[in-house]
Protein backbone atom coordinates (compact mmCIF):
# COMPACT_ATOMS: atom_id res chain seq x y z
CA MET A 1 -19.01 20.49 -45.18
CA THR A 2 -21.93 22.81 -45.76
CA SER A 3 -22.85 24.81 -42.65
CA VAL A 4 -26.34 26.26 -42.51
CA LEU A 5 -27.74 28.70 -39.96
CA LEU A 6 -31.52 29.11 -40.06
CA ILE A 7 -33.00 31.89 -37.94
CA ARG A 8 -36.72 31.89 -37.13
CA GLY A 9 -38.83 34.33 -35.16
CA GLY A 10 -40.73 33.52 -32.00
CA ASN A 11 -43.83 32.60 -34.01
CA GLY A 12 -41.75 30.31 -36.26
CA ALA A 13 -41.53 32.82 -39.09
CA PHE A 14 -38.50 32.66 -41.34
CA ARG A 15 -36.07 35.51 -40.65
CA SER A 16 -32.83 34.56 -42.38
CA CYS A 17 -30.61 31.78 -43.58
CA ARG A 18 -26.88 31.57 -44.25
CA ALA A 19 -25.18 28.62 -45.94
CA GLU A 20 -21.45 28.35 -46.41
CA GLY A 21 -19.11 25.75 -47.83
CA HIS A 22 -19.47 22.73 -50.04
CA ALA A 23 -20.88 19.44 -48.82
CA GLY A 24 -17.91 17.41 -50.03
CA PHE A 25 -20.01 14.33 -50.77
CA ALA A 26 -18.75 14.21 -54.37
CA GLU A 27 -16.82 16.35 -56.84
CA ALA A 28 -18.15 19.81 -57.66
CA GLY A 29 -20.91 19.54 -60.22
CA ALA A 30 -21.81 15.99 -59.15
CA ASP A 31 -22.51 16.52 -55.44
CA ILE A 32 -26.11 15.48 -54.74
CA VAL A 33 -25.98 16.73 -51.16
CA CYS A 34 -24.85 20.20 -52.19
CA SER A 35 -27.50 20.22 -54.91
CA ALA A 36 -30.26 19.24 -52.47
CA VAL A 37 -29.35 22.02 -50.04
CA THR A 38 -29.06 24.53 -52.87
CA VAL A 39 -32.47 23.64 -54.31
CA LEU A 40 -34.16 24.05 -50.92
CA LEU A 41 -32.51 27.40 -50.26
CA ARG A 42 -32.96 28.88 -53.72
CA THR A 43 -36.57 27.73 -54.02
CA THR A 44 -37.43 29.29 -50.68
CA MET A 45 -35.56 32.48 -51.57
CA GLN A 46 -37.29 32.80 -54.96
CA THR A 47 -40.72 32.06 -53.52
CA LEU A 48 -40.29 34.76 -50.88
CA ALA A 49 -38.91 37.21 -53.46
CA ASP A 50 -42.03 36.69 -55.57
CA SER A 51 -44.41 37.11 -52.61
CA ALA A 52 -46.35 40.35 -52.37
CA GLY A 53 -45.81 42.16 -49.09
CA ILE A 54 -42.47 40.50 -48.29
CA ARG A 55 -39.14 42.30 -48.53
CA LEU A 56 -36.21 40.03 -49.36
CA GLU A 57 -32.52 40.82 -49.09
CA ALA A 58 -30.00 38.38 -50.52
CA ASP A 59 -26.28 37.99 -51.06
CA THR A 60 -25.21 35.36 -53.55
CA SER A 61 -22.02 37.12 -54.61
CA ALA A 62 -19.51 34.54 -53.36
CA ARG A 63 -19.46 31.01 -54.73
CA GLY A 64 -20.21 28.53 -51.94
CA THR A 65 -22.03 31.13 -49.82
CA LEU A 66 -25.68 32.11 -49.79
CA PHE A 67 -27.41 34.50 -47.42
CA PHE A 68 -30.96 35.77 -47.50
CA SER A 69 -33.38 37.38 -45.09
CA ALA A 70 -37.05 38.27 -45.36
CA CYS A 71 -39.61 40.28 -43.46
CA ALA A 72 -43.14 41.49 -43.96
CA GLU A 73 -43.38 45.02 -45.29
CA LYS A 74 -46.64 45.35 -43.34
CA PRO A 75 -47.54 42.44 -41.08
CA SER A 76 -50.70 40.64 -42.16
CA PRO A 77 -52.10 37.16 -41.65
CA GLU A 78 -51.09 36.26 -45.22
CA THR A 79 -47.46 37.40 -45.00
CA ASP A 80 -47.08 35.95 -41.50
CA ALA A 81 -48.38 32.59 -42.72
CA ARG A 82 -46.05 32.63 -45.72
CA LEU A 83 -43.00 33.37 -43.55
CA VAL A 84 -43.95 30.63 -41.05
CA TYR A 85 -44.39 28.17 -43.91
CA ALA A 86 -41.02 29.17 -45.38
CA GLY A 87 -39.40 28.49 -42.00
CA ASP A 88 -41.15 25.11 -41.72
CA PHE A 89 -40.26 24.14 -45.30
CA LEU A 90 -36.58 24.96 -44.86
CA GLU A 91 -36.27 23.42 -41.41
CA HIS A 92 -37.92 20.13 -42.37
CA GLY A 93 -35.96 19.82 -45.60
CA LEU A 94 -32.60 20.74 -44.08
CA VAL A 95 -33.09 18.53 -41.01
CA SER A 96 -33.82 15.60 -43.31
CA ILE A 97 -30.66 16.17 -45.37
CA ALA A 98 -28.48 16.79 -42.28
CA GLU A 99 -29.73 13.58 -40.65
CA GLU A 100 -29.07 11.53 -43.78
CA TYR A 101 -25.66 13.12 -44.47
CA PRO A 102 -24.32 14.21 -41.05
CA GLY A 103 -20.73 14.34 -42.28
CA ASN A 104 -21.66 16.73 -45.07
CA VAL A 105 -24.27 19.13 -43.67
CA GLU A 106 -24.25 20.93 -40.34
CA LEU A 107 -27.52 22.66 -39.46
CA ARG A 108 -28.00 25.15 -36.66
CA ILE A 109 -31.41 26.62 -35.91
CA GLN A 110 -31.98 29.71 -33.81
CA ASN A 111 -35.49 30.46 -32.66
CA GLY A 112 -36.07 34.09 -31.75
CA LYS A 113 -38.49 35.85 -29.52
């Protein structure tokens, strides 16, 4: 099972995400559930990494584990909006996958203050 922890700030802004494990829907290399989760996470991570004014930290060193966090270097309406959208994008996508494949994806969401 893939376990995902998504942490959002009080305004809904993305703060961090950690995913661990393999979905176990199919063999490695053919697992559509694992691929779907990976695409959502990596696309969000790359988009934030390429965003001006956002500092990203990531750890992809261990196979089957992905962690990344992001914050605004200087808060602005543009960076705040981008981080809120990143949180919305990940939450909606991951909720959809977890609902469709509940035996393969566990999603926990923490909303901060």
